[in-house]
Structure formats: C-alpha cells, structure tokens
Protein backbone atom coordinates (compact mmCIF):
# COMPACT_ATOMS: atom_id res chain seq x y z
CA MET A 1 -18.76 91.77 68.40
CA VAL A 2 -15.33 92.76 66.94
CA LYS A 3 -12.07 91.12 67.96
CA TYR A 4 -9.25 93.39 68.31
CA SER A 5 -6.33 92.89 70.66
CA VAL A 6 -2.95 95.24 71.55
CA LEU A 7 0.16 94.68 73.42
CA ASN A 8 0.00 94.07 77.26
CA GLU A 9 0.14 97.21 79.33
CA SER A 10 0.00 99.41 76.24
CA ARG A 11 -1.00 103.28 77.32
CA GLN A 12 -1.21 104.70 73.94
CA LEU A 13 -2.50 103.14 70.48
CA PHE A 14 -1.91 105.04 67.27
CA ALA A 15 -3.63 104.31 63.86
CA SER A 16 -2.47 105.40 60.27
CA LYS A 17 -5.82 105.18 59.09
CA TYR A 18 -9.30 105.72 60.15
CA ARG A 19 -12.11 104.03 58.75
CA LEU A 20 -16.07 105.22 58.96
CA TYR A 21 -16.79 101.51 59.29
CA LEU A 22 -14.96 99.00 61.39
CA PRO A 23 -13.60 95.77 59.12
CA SER A 24 -15.22 92.68 59.38
CA GLU A 25 -12.82 89.68 60.88
CA GLU A 26 -11.96 88.16 57.39
CA GLU A 27 -11.21 91.80 55.80
CA LEU A 28 -8.98 92.53 58.92
CA ARG A 29 -7.26 89.05 58.38
CA VAL A 30 -6.85 89.83 54.94
CA GLU A 31 -5.29 93.17 55.29
CA VAL A 32 -2.75 91.97 58.18
CA GLU A 33 -1.47 89.45 55.81
CA ARG A 34 -1.00 91.95 53.26
CA GLU A 35 1.17 94.09 55.45
CA ARG A 36 3.01 90.84 56.87
CA GLU A 37 3.98 90.22 53.48
CA MET A 38 5.41 93.85 52.70
CA VAL A 39 6.90 93.41 55.54
CA VAL A 40 8.77 90.11 54.91
CA ARG A 41 9.55 91.32 51.01
CA GLU A 42 11.21 94.14 52.30
CA ARG A 43 13.58 92.74 54.65
CA LEU A 44 14.66 90.08 52.26
CA GLU A 45 15.34 92.57 49.69
CA GLY A 46 17.17 94.57 52.30
CA TYR A 47 19.27 91.07 52.76
CA GLY A 48 19.74 91.05 48.76
CA VAL A 49 17.33 88.32 48.63
CA GLY A 50 15.09 88.07 45.58
CA VAL A 51 11.46 87.15 46.68
CA GLY A 52 10.09 84.86 44.39
CA GLU A 53 12.87 83.10 42.85
C-alpha cells in the first residue's frame, strides 16, 4: 500500500520528476526531508543568515 496526500480540493497535481516505480515510505520520507532542508537553507540565506554558524 502506498500513502500519499494532496491538498483538499486540489484539482490538478503536477510532478517535476517521474519514476518507473513508487518509492518506499522511507525513501519518500528522506526525499521530503532533504527538500525541506534545502528550502529552509535557501530562505535563511535570503535573510543573510548563515546556516551552521
């Protein structure tokens, strides 16, 4: 079984990457965490805050 969620009432769903197989729940968790960290880092850099300082 695969668990995914989308926003309520979302009529369209776009994908920037395509895979020939569905990732495991752990692979999906790791990818979401990696993307989240990248967004946080970019926002902090935008505010002039160094990451890891």
